[in-house]
């Protein structure tokens, strides 16, 4: 196995660990991380779910063969817990230094003595060790198929940081095409974008804007997911869509069978998006997926993504998006625009757009905790069209909502700037990525106060939550047809 191994950890959990390891006394301290796991062609990710801090003098004591060590009792308790919860066991300690770190000979010898047994205790682990300096981390990871070094750690927050065992080599000069970008966030920032896998769910008005902007920003790999085709009413809103894509010359015919043929031959939205992206960046890797994120096979294409944009408007897509963010520690943003129309007067009553960052921890913007995935709407979407009409779940369900491209821009622009600033570290440390609502008629911007539910099955530390469990937990997708 030559796949890179990454540890992902959310910022609040990392801060808790870092403060324990580096309290200012210059001494060595210990802990254990319990982690989920996901393995894909891009590599292995170990997903930090919990941190167990070892108490000095009780759980972390002077060692017989090294400076200090976790006690046998502490190791037994935490490794047993990891086995019970189907989590990976990662022992942690710190060394001196700032930007470079490695294990000592005593450290490596202790791993060789203890980790084969821990692999058995944890039913195949993986198990391993991490050693930290203030701005660096190294890892020794043991799996049933062998022993491997950690490539890097990713810290997920308003600044998405990576820590390595030693400073990375200087970035290569960027393509001159990106000269104006490099003046803002340097060759390092441009290289970060080139190495990202970014997902867009929904390639309608908002998704098509994000698609073009990501391509022009220099993102190296885009996965676009949508099952729908272009129609005539999409042309004012979808970037790059043409009358030929919509087969307007057929769908405008008064003959029903020609109209039907035109709809069947119209281009899929993701194929239009791919064309637009390739025009902006011919070297981009682009996966145009005709499908629905609520299908498990489609959702699993996203589990190793670096960022998710949700620009689809169904509650089921929100449900799966929110689960992916928390289960696999993938940051994301949901966008949308809403124009309310009075049903009696048919006059516009309200216009607002939403940009909702969702980070994988409590108070990080969980859509469930903000009551944005109502159970009644999920139930309604699960019914067939006939069942919905029979139960009268929605009035005027065949009437499309008003939509204008400028409103899509209003939602998508903040999402794209959030994405750019998070990966380049340009946000000020005190910035909170709250959900943001913009009320167009009043010209007001409202930041929603973050909230969290202690029993949330997505973002909480509850024993039943999916947070950071990776492949050892089921996504809330539709069951495949057998």
Protein backbone atom coordinates (compact mmCIF):
# COMPACT_ATOMS: atom_id res chain seq x y z
CA UNK A 1 0.00 0.00 0.00
CA UNK A 2 1.52 3.30 -1.12
CA UNK A 3 -1.49 5.49 -0.42
CA UNK A 4 -0.81 8.65 1.61
CA UNK A 5 -2.19 8.61 5.15
CA UNK A 6 -3.83 11.75 6.50
CA UNK A 7 -5.27 12.52 9.94
CA UNK A 8 -8.22 14.93 9.91
CA UNK A 9 -9.22 16.79 13.06
CA UNK A 10 -11.66 19.63 13.66
CA UNK A 11 -10.33 22.87 15.07
CA UNK A 12 -12.02 22.72 18.52
CA UNK A 13 -10.65 19.19 19.09
CA UNK A 14 -7.20 20.20 17.87
CA UNK A 15 -7.17 23.24 20.17
CA UNK A 16 -8.07 21.02 23.13
CA UNK A 17 -5.22 18.65 22.26
CA UNK A 18 -2.68 21.38 21.51
CA UNK A 19 -3.36 23.22 24.79
CA UNK A 20 -2.81 19.96 26.69
CA UNK A 21 0.44 19.13 24.88
CA UNK A 22 1.88 22.65 25.03
CA UNK A 23 0.77 24.32 28.29
CA UNK A 24 3.97 26.38 28.41
CA UNK A 25 6.07 24.21 30.74
CA UNK A 26 8.36 22.83 28.02
CA UNK A 27 7.68 19.27 29.20
CA UNK A 28 6.30 16.19 27.45
CA UNK A 29 2.61 15.30 27.70
CA UNK A 30 0.43 12.52 26.32
CA UNK A 31 -3.05 11.70 24.99
CA UNK A 32 -4.94 9.29 22.73
CA UNK A 33 -7.07 10.08 19.68
CA UNK A 34 -9.96 7.74 18.80
CA UNK A 35 -10.62 7.99 15.07
CA UNK A 36 -12.85 6.77 12.28
CA UNK A 37 -11.39 5.77 8.94
CA UNK A 38 -12.07 6.09 5.21
CA UNK A 39 -10.00 4.45 2.50
CA UNK A 40 -10.29 5.55 -1.14
CA UNK A 41 -8.02 5.65 -4.20
CA UNK A 42 -6.77 9.06 -3.01
CA UNK A 43 -5.49 7.60 0.25
CA UNK A 44 -6.45 6.76 3.82
CA UNK A 45 -7.97 9.34 6.14
CA UNK A 46 -8.08 8.81 9.88
CA UNK A 47 -10.88 10.99 11.26
CA UNK A 48 -10.37 12.24 14.83
CA UNK A 49 -13.59 11.75 16.77
CA UNK A 50 -12.48 11.99 20.41
CA UNK A 51 -9.36 13.01 22.35
CA UNK A 52 -8.53 11.39 25.69
CA UNK A 53 -6.07 13.54 27.63
CA UNK A 54 -3.60 11.60 29.77
CA UNK A 55 -3.23 13.08 33.25
CA UNK A 56 0.39 13.75 34.17
CA UNK A 57 1.66 11.48 36.93
CA UNK A 58 -1.42 9.24 36.73
CA UNK A 59 -1.96 8.23 33.09
CA UNK A 60 1.34 9.57 31.71
CA UNK A 61 4.29 8.60 33.90
CA UNK A 62 8.09 8.18 33.79
CA UNK A 63 8.94 5.29 31.46
CA UNK A 64 11.23 2.35 32.12
CA UNK A 65 12.74 2.46 28.61
CA UNK A 66 12.02 6.04 27.61
CA UNK A 67 11.36 9.44 29.12
CA UNK A 68 7.62 8.99 29.68
CA UNK A 69 4.86 6.58 28.69
CA UNK A 70 1.14 6.03 28.92
CA UNK A 71 0.27 3.60 31.71
CA UNK A 72 -0.83 0.07 30.85
CA UNK A 73 -4.18 0.76 32.54
CA UNK A 74 -4.84 3.88 30.43
CA UNK A 75 -3.86 2.10 27.21
CA UNK A 76 -6.05 -0.89 28.06
CA UNK A 77 -9.09 1.29 28.83
CA UNK A 78 -8.84 3.46 25.72
CA UNK A 79 -7.89 0.66 23.32
CA UNK A 80 -10.82 -1.37 24.67
CA UNK A 81 -13.11 1.59 24.08
CA UNK A 82 -11.80 1.93 20.51
CA UNK A 83 -12.44 -1.77 19.89
CA UNK A 84 -15.97 -1.47 21.26
CA UNK A 85 -16.74 1.64 19.19
CA UNK A 86 -14.98 0.32 16.05
CA UNK A 87 -12.52 3.24 16.10
CA UNK A 88 -8.79 3.51 15.46
CA UNK A 89 -6.33 4.08 18.33
CA UNK A 90 -3.65 6.80 17.98
CA UNK A 91 -1.31 7.47 20.91
CA UNK A 92 -0.06 11.07 21.10
CA UNK A 93 2.83 12.86 22.75
CA UNK A 94 4.91 15.99 22.14
CA UNK A 95 8.53 16.90 21.65
CA UNK A 96 10.27 20.25 21.67
CA UNK A 97 10.74 22.34 18.56
CA UNK A 98 8.41 24.29 16.32
CA UNK A 99 8.33 23.36 12.62
CA UNK A 100 9.93 19.90 12.53
CA UNK A 101 9.47 16.72 14.55
CA UNK A 102 10.29 13.00 14.49
CA UNK A 103 10.08 9.99 16.78
CA UNK A 104 13.02 9.04 18.98
CA UNK A 105 14.62 5.60 18.83
CA UNK A 106 12.93 4.78 22.14
CA UNK A 107 9.56 5.81 20.66
CA UNK A 108 9.98 3.51 17.67
CA UNK A 109 11.11 0.59 19.82
CA UNK A 110 8.05 0.97 22.06
CA UNK A 111 5.79 0.87 18.99
CA UNK A 112 7.39 -2.38 17.87
CA UNK A 113 6.82 -3.90 21.30
CA UNK A 114 3.23 -2.80 21.75
CA UNK A 115 1.42 -2.19 18.48
CA UNK A 116 1.17 -5.76 17.18
CA UNK A 117 -0.83 -6.60 20.30
CA UNK A 118 -2.91 -3.41 19.98
CA UNK A 119 -3.81 -4.40 16.44
CA UNK A 120 -5.32 -7.59 17.84
CA UNK A 121 -7.10 -5.80 20.69
CA UNK A 122 -8.67 -3.26 18.33
CA UNK A 123 -9.62 -5.92 15.76
CA UNK A 124 -7.23 -4.71 13.10
CA UNK A 125 -7.05 -1.06 14.03
CA UNK A 126 -5.39 0.73 12.45
CA UNK A 127 -3.37 1.80 15.47
CA UNK A 128 -0.44 4.14 15.67
CA UNK A 129 1.30 7.07 17.24
CA UNK A 130 1.56 10.80 16.56
CA UNK A 131 4.30 13.08 17.84
CA UNK A 132 3.80 16.84 17.77
CA UNK A 133 5.97 19.93 17.74
CA UNK A 134 4.11 23.24 17.93
CA UNK A 135 3.62 23.46 14.14
CA UNK A 136 4.47 19.94 12.99
CA UNK A 137 3.34 16.34 13.37
CA UNK A 138 4.79 12.95 12.44
CA UNK A 139 3.02 9.60 12.58
CA UNK A 140 3.77 5.89 12.67
CA UNK A 141 0.63 4.01 11.56
CA UNK A 142 0.20 0.23 11.84
CA UNK A 143 -2.37 -1.68 9.79
CA UNK A 144 -2.87 -5.42 9.20
CA UNK A 145 -1.09 -4.98 5.85
CA UNK A 146 1.95 -3.10 7.14
CA UNK A 147 3.49 -0.08 8.84
CA UNK A 148 3.34 3.40 7.29
CA UNK A 149 4.33 6.99 7.94
CA UNK A 150 1.83 9.81 8.26
CA UNK A 151 1.80 12.17 5.29
CA UNK A 152 0.09 15.10 7.01
CA UNK A 153 -2.64 16.28 9.37
CA UNK A 154 -5.49 18.56 8.23
CA UNK A 155 -7.17 20.88 10.74
CA UNK A 156 -10.74 21.79 9.71
CA UNK A 157 -11.98 25.22 10.74
CA UNK A 158 -12.34 28.74 9.37
CA UNK A 159 -8.69 28.30 8.39
CA UNK A 160 -8.05 24.87 6.88
CA UNK A 161 -4.44 24.12 7.85
CA UNK A 162 -2.07 21.27 7.13
CA UNK A 163 0.74 20.12 9.42
CA UNK A 164 3.66 18.03 8.17
CA UNK A 165 6.65 16.33 9.82
CA UNK A 166 8.89 19.05 8.39
CA UNK A 167 8.37 22.16 6.22
CA UNK A 168 7.18 21.41 2.71
CA UNK A 169 9.48 22.25 -0.22
CA UNK A 170 8.91 25.65 -1.76
CA UNK A 171 6.03 25.70 -4.23
CA UNK A 172 6.78 25.75 -7.94
CA UNK A 173 6.01 29.03 -9.72
CA UNK A 174 2.39 29.12 -10.84
CA UNK A 175 1.16 29.37 -14.41
CA UNK A 176 1.44 33.04 -15.47
CA UNK A 177 -2.31 32.92 -16.15
CA UNK A 178 -2.80 33.08 -12.37
CA UNK A 179 -0.49 36.04 -11.83
CA UNK A 180 -3.22 38.21 -10.27
CA UNK A 181 -4.20 35.38 -7.90
CA UNK A 182 -0.60 34.83 -6.81
CA UNK A 183 -0.29 38.52 -5.91
CA UNK A 184 -3.02 37.90 -3.33
CA UNK A 185 -2.27 34.46 -1.85
CA UNK A 186 1.05 33.44 -3.39
CA UNK A 187 2.22 30.38 -5.28
CA UNK A 188 1.43 28.30 -2.18
CA UNK A 189 -2.23 29.31 -2.32
CA UNK A 190 -2.49 28.57 -6.02
CA UNK A 191 -0.92 25.16 -5.48
CA UNK A 192 -3.43 24.44 -2.70
CA UNK A 193 -6.31 25.01 -5.12
CA UNK A 194 -4.67 22.89 -7.82
CA UNK A 195 -4.54 19.92 -5.41
CA UNK A 196 -8.16 20.12 -4.21
CA UNK A 197 -11.09 17.86 -5.04
CA UNK A 198 -14.21 20.01 -4.81
CA UNK A 199 -17.79 18.81 -5.20
CA UNK A 200 -20.78 20.77 -6.52
CA UNK A 201 -24.18 19.20 -5.79
CA UNK A 202 -26.76 20.78 -8.10
CA UNK A 203 -25.74 22.57 -11.31
CA UNK A 204 -28.65 24.96 -11.63
CA UNK A 205 -28.32 28.75 -11.30
CA UNK A 206 -26.15 28.87 -8.17
CA UNK A 207 -24.20 25.70 -8.89
CA UNK A 208 -23.32 26.81 -12.42
CA UNK A 209 -21.84 30.05 -11.07
CA UNK A 210 -19.75 28.19 -8.50
CA UNK A 211 -18.63 25.80 -11.25
CA UNK A 212 -17.25 28.61 -13.41
CA UNK A 213 -15.63 30.43 -10.50
CA UNK A 214 -13.91 27.29 -9.18
CA UNK A 215 -12.58 26.57 -12.66
CA UNK A 216 -11.20 30.07 -13.06
CA UNK A 217 -9.72 29.96 -9.55
CA UNK A 218 -7.59 27.00 -10.64
CA UNK A 219 -9.16 24.15 -8.65
CA UNK A 220 -7.63 20.94 -9.97
CA UNK A 221 -10.52 18.46 -9.66
CA UNK A 222 -14.27 19.14 -9.73
CA UNK A 223 -17.02 16.58 -9.25
CA UNK A 224 -20.40 17.88 -10.46
CA UNK A 225 -23.61 16.01 -9.59
CA UNK A 226 -27.05 16.62 -11.07
CA UNK A 227 -29.65 14.37 -12.73
CA UNK A 228 -31.50 17.14 -14.58
CA UNK A 229 -31.35 18.39 -18.17
CA UNK A 230 -31.34 21.93 -19.55
CA UNK A 231 -34.70 23.42 -20.48
CA UNK A 232 -35.73 26.74 -21.97
CA UNK A 233 -36.36 28.39 -18.58
CA UNK A 234 -32.80 27.56 -17.47
CA UNK A 235 -31.13 29.65 -20.17
CA UNK A 236 -31.26 33.01 -18.31
CA UNK A 237 -29.65 31.47 -15.20
CA UNK A 238 -27.25 28.66 -16.08
CA UNK A 239 -23.79 29.81 -17.08
CA UNK A 240 -22.85 28.62 -20.58
CA UNK A 241 -26.21 27.05 -21.46
CA UNK A 242 -27.40 27.56 -25.05
CA UNK A 243 -30.60 27.12 -27.02
CA UNK A 244 -28.98 24.08 -28.61
CA UNK A 245 -28.43 22.55 -25.14
CA UNK A 246 -32.13 23.11 -24.39
CA UNK A 247 -33.19 21.77 -27.82
CA UNK A 248 -35.40 24.86 -28.09
CA UNK A 249 -36.08 24.28 -31.79
CA UNK A 250 -37.87 21.06 -30.80
CA UNK A 251 -39.41 21.98 -27.45
CA UNK A 252 -41.00 25.11 -28.94
CA UNK A 253 -42.83 23.04 -31.54
CA UNK A 254 -46.64 22.76 -31.11
CA UNK A 255 -46.43 19.01 -31.68
CA UNK A 256 -46.30 17.11 -28.32
CA UNK A 257 -44.12 14.26 -29.52
CA UNK A 258 -41.51 16.71 -30.83
CA UNK A 259 -41.58 18.55 -27.51
CA UNK A 260 -41.03 15.27 -25.69
CA UNK A 261 -38.18 14.33 -28.00
CA UNK A 262 -36.55 17.71 -27.42
CA UNK A 263 -36.67 17.24 -23.65
CA UNK A 264 -35.13 13.77 -23.99
CA UNK A 265 -32.29 15.08 -26.19
CA UNK A 266 -31.52 18.19 -24.13
CA UNK A 267 -28.05 18.31 -22.57
CA UNK A 268 -27.54 17.33 -18.95
CA UNK A 269 -26.64 20.27 -16.73
CA UNK A 270 -23.40 18.59 -15.63
CA UNK A 271 -22.25 18.22 -19.23
CA UNK A 272 -22.78 21.92 -19.85
CA UNK A 273 -20.89 22.63 -16.63
CA UNK A 274 -17.98 20.45 -17.77
CA UNK A 275 -17.79 22.34 -21.06
CA UNK A 276 -17.71 25.67 -19.21
CA UNK A 277 -15.01 24.43 -16.81
CA UNK A 278 -12.81 23.10 -19.61
CA UNK A 279 -13.06 26.43 -21.43
CA UNK A 280 -11.81 28.17 -18.29
CA UNK A 281 -9.09 25.62 -17.47
CA UNK A 282 -8.28 23.00 -20.07
CA UNK A 283 -6.16 20.95 -17.65
CA UNK A 284 -8.87 20.55 -15.02
CA UNK A 285 -9.94 17.05 -14.04
CA UNK A 286 -13.73 17.02 -14.30
CA UNK A 287 -16.19 14.31 -13.27
CA UNK A 288 -19.66 15.08 -14.66
CA UNK A 289 -21.97 12.72 -12.74
CA UNK A 290 -25.54 12.30 -13.93
CA UNK A 291 -27.20 11.17 -10.73
CA UNK A 292 -28.62 12.05 -7.34
CA UNK A 293 -26.66 12.46 -4.12
CA UNK A 294 -29.37 10.59 -2.19
CA UNK A 295 -28.28 7.38 -3.96
CA UNK A 296 -25.54 5.66 -1.98
CA UNK A 297 -23.33 4.89 -4.99
CA UNK A 298 -23.29 8.60 -5.90
CA UNK A 299 -22.76 9.81 -2.33
CA UNK A 300 -19.78 7.51 -1.90
CA UNK A 301 -18.01 9.27 -4.78
CA UNK A 302 -17.68 12.25 -2.43
CA UNK A 303 -16.25 10.72 0.74
CA UNK A 304 -12.66 11.81 0.00
CA UNK A 305 -13.55 15.32 -1.20
CA UNK A 306 -11.85 18.38 0.26
CA UNK A 307 -14.91 20.63 0.08
CA UNK A 308 -18.63 20.35 -0.71
CA UNK A 309 -20.96 22.94 -2.22
CA UNK A 310 -24.68 22.15 -1.95
CA UNK A 311 -26.68 24.10 -4.53
CA UNK A 312 -29.66 21.70 -4.73
CA UNK A 313 -32.89 22.54 -2.95
CA UNK A 314 -34.32 19.22 -1.75
CA UNK A 315 -34.42 18.23 1.93
CA UNK A 316 -33.00 14.80 1.09
CA UNK A 317 -29.94 16.37 -0.53
CA UNK A 318 -29.48 18.51 2.59
CA UNK A 319 -29.74 15.39 4.74
CA UNK A 320 -26.99 13.54 2.85
CA UNK A 321 -24.80 16.65 2.50
CA UNK A 322 -24.97 17.31 6.25
CA UNK A 323 -24.11 13.66 6.96
CA UNK A 324 -21.10 13.74 4.60
CA UNK A 325 -19.74 16.88 6.26
CA UNK A 326 -19.85 15.38 9.74
CA UNK A 327 -19.21 11.69 9.07
CA UNK A 328 -16.15 12.32 6.90
CA UNK A 329 -14.96 15.71 8.29
CA UNK A 330 -15.41 17.51 4.96
CA UNK A 331 -16.22 21.23 5.23
CA UNK A 332 -19.03 22.53 3.05
CA UNK A 333 -21.42 25.36 2.25
CA UNK A 334 -25.11 25.25 1.35
CA UNK A 335 -26.47 28.07 -0.82
CA UNK A 336 -29.95 29.06 -1.93
CA UNK A 337 -32.29 31.86 -2.92
CA UNK A 338 -35.97 32.21 -2.02
CA UNK A 339 -38.65 34.48 -3.46
CA UNK A 340 -41.95 34.27 -1.58
CA UNK A 341 -45.14 35.11 -3.45
CA UNK A 342 -48.49 35.89 -1.81
CA UNK A 343 -50.89 33.20 -3.05
CA UNK A 344 -53.89 35.55 -3.10
CA UNK A 345 -52.38 38.67 -4.65
CA UNK A 346 -49.55 36.93 -6.57
CA UNK A 347 -47.29 39.76 -5.42
CA UNK A 348 -43.72 39.22 -4.23
CA UNK A 349 -43.70 39.38 -0.43
CA UNK A 350 -40.07 38.57 0.44
CA UNK A 351 -36.73 38.00 -1.28
CA UNK A 352 -33.72 36.54 0.51
CA UNK A 353 -30.61 34.53 -0.21
CA UNK A 354 -28.77 32.15 2.12
CA UNK A 355 -25.10 31.20 2.45
CA UNK A 356 -24.65 28.55 5.11
CA UNK A 357 -21.13 27.27 5.92
CA UNK A 358 -21.22 23.87 7.64
CA UNK A 359 -18.12 22.73 9.54
CA UNK A 360 -17.97 19.28 11.17
CA UNK A 361 -18.32 20.09 14.85
CA UNK A 362 -20.82 21.45 17.36
CA UNK A 363 -21.73 25.10 16.66
CA UNK A 364 -20.18 24.68 13.21
CA UNK A 365 -23.43 25.30 11.31
CA UNK A 366 -25.07 21.84 11.35
CA UNK A 367 -28.24 21.99 9.23
CA UNK A 368 -30.07 19.67 11.63
CA UNK A 369 -29.31 21.85 14.66
CA UNK A 370 -30.49 24.93 12.74
CA UNK A 371 -33.77 23.11 11.94
CA UNK A 372 -33.13 23.27 8.21
CA UNK A 373 -33.98 19.61 7.52
CA UNK A 374 -37.58 19.33 8.77
CA UNK A 375 -38.82 15.77 9.12
CA UNK A 376 -42.16 16.59 7.49
CA UNK A 377 -40.42 17.79 4.31
CA UNK A 378 -38.24 14.68 4.24
CA UNK A 379 -41.35 12.54 4.53
CA UNK A 380 -43.05 14.50 1.76
CA UNK A 381 -40.10 14.02 -0.62
CA UNK A 382 -40.05 10.29 0.09
CA UNK A 383 -43.60 9.93 -1.22
CA UNK A 384 -44.53 9.39 -4.84
CA UNK A 385 -46.19 12.23 -6.75
CA UNK A 386 -49.57 10.49 -6.44
CA UNK A 387 -49.12 9.99 -2.69
CA UNK A 388 -48.20 13.66 -2.24
CA UNK A 389 -51.31 14.78 -4.08
CA UNK A 390 -53.50 12.37 -2.12
CA UNK A 391 -52.15 13.62 1.22
CA UNK A 392 -52.09 17.25 0.05
CA UNK A 393 -48.64 17.91 1.44
CA UNK A 394 -47.96 20.87 -0.83
CA UNK A 395 -50.24 23.40 -2.43
CA UNK A 396 -49.33 24.61 -5.92
CA UNK A 397 -46.58 22.01 -6.11
CA UNK A 398 -46.40 22.27 -9.89
CA UNK A 399 -45.78 26.02 -9.86
CA UNK A 400 -42.06 26.81 -10.12
CA UNK A 401 -40.69 29.41 -7.73
CA UNK A 402 -39.42 32.72 -9.16
CA UNK A 403 -35.67 32.76 -9.76
CA UNK A 404 -33.22 35.32 -11.16
CA UNK A 405 -29.49 34.91 -11.76
CA UNK A 406 -28.59 38.00 -9.72
CA UNK A 407 -30.06 36.34 -6.62
CA UNK A 408 -28.01 33.22 -7.33
CA UNK A 409 -24.94 35.44 -7.48
CA UNK A 410 -25.85 37.01 -4.14
CA UNK A 411 -25.79 33.59 -2.48
CA UNK A 412 -22.88 32.04 -4.37
CA UNK A 413 -20.40 34.92 -4.16
CA UNK A 414 -20.10 34.80 -0.36
CA UNK A 415 -19.80 31.00 -0.49
CA UNK A 416 -16.92 31.21 -2.96
CA UNK A 417 -15.14 33.90 -0.96
CA UNK A 418 -15.55 31.79 2.18
CA UNK A 419 -14.02 28.83 0.34
CA UNK A 420 -11.10 30.89 -0.97
CA UNK A 421 -10.34 32.55 2.38
CA UNK A 422 -10.58 29.29 4.35
CA UNK A 423 -7.96 27.50 2.26
CA UNK A 424 -5.56 30.46 1.97
CA UNK A 425 -5.78 31.52 5.64
CA UNK A 426 -6.83 35.08 4.80
CA UNK A 427 -9.64 35.30 7.33
CA UNK A 428 -8.83 37.06 10.58
CA UNK A 429 -8.59 34.57 13.52
CA UNK A 430 -11.72 35.97 15.19
CA UNK A 431 -13.96 35.50 12.12
CA UNK A 432 -16.96 33.23 12.72
CA UNK A 433 -18.46 31.53 9.68
CA UNK A 434 -22.09 32.03 10.65
CA UNK A 435 -25.01 31.29 8.37
CA UNK A 436 -25.73 34.50 6.49
CA UNK A 437 -29.08 35.68 5.14
CA UNK A 438 -29.35 38.63 2.78
CA UNK A 439 -32.74 40.33 2.47
CA UNK A 440 -32.73 41.97 -0.95
CA UNK A 441 -35.75 44.26 -0.57
CA UNK A 442 -34.52 45.70 2.74
CA UNK A 443 -30.82 45.58 1.72
CA UNK A 444 -30.08 43.92 5.06
CA UNK A 445 -27.58 41.21 5.97
CA UNK A 446 -28.35 39.00 8.97
CA UNK A 447 -25.84 36.64 10.62
CA UNK A 448 -27.51 33.66 12.29
CA UNK A 449 -26.22 32.83 15.77
CA UNK A 450 -24.66 29.33 15.77
CA UNK A 451 -26.53 26.69 17.73
CA UNK A 452 -26.03 23.02 18.64
CA UNK A 453 -28.02 20.14 20.07
CA UNK A 454 -26.20 17.88 22.54
CA UNK A 455 -28.02 14.86 21.13
CA UNK A 456 -27.61 15.67 17.43
CA UNK A 457 -26.94 12.52 15.45
CA UNK A 458 -24.65 14.41 13.05
CA UNK A 459 -22.49 16.98 14.87
CA UNK A 460 -22.55 16.03 18.56
CA UNK A 461 -20.24 13.84 20.65
CA UNK A 462 -23.17 11.58 21.52
CA UNK A 463 -22.29 7.88 21.36
CA UNK A 464 -24.95 7.53 18.64
CA UNK A 465 -23.71 10.33 16.39
CA UNK A 466 -22.05 9.75 13.03
CA UNK A 467 -19.41 12.46 13.49
CA UNK A 468 -15.96 11.31 12.26
CA UNK A 469 -16.97 7.64 12.00
CA UNK A 470 -16.14 7.44 8.31
CA UNK A 471 -16.83 4.16 6.56
CA UNK A 472 -17.82 2.43 9.78
CA UNK A 473 -21.23 4.13 9.71
CA UNK A 474 -23.98 4.15 7.10
CA UNK A 475 -24.89 7.30 5.19
CA UNK A 476 -28.63 8.21 5.20
CA UNK A 477 -29.06 7.34 1.52
CA UNK A 478 -31.74 5.51 -0.40
CA UNK A 479 -31.32 1.79 -0.35
CA UNK A 480 -30.08 0.51 -3.73
CA UNK A 481 -32.57 -1.48 -5.78
CA UNK A 482 -31.90 -5.19 -5.54
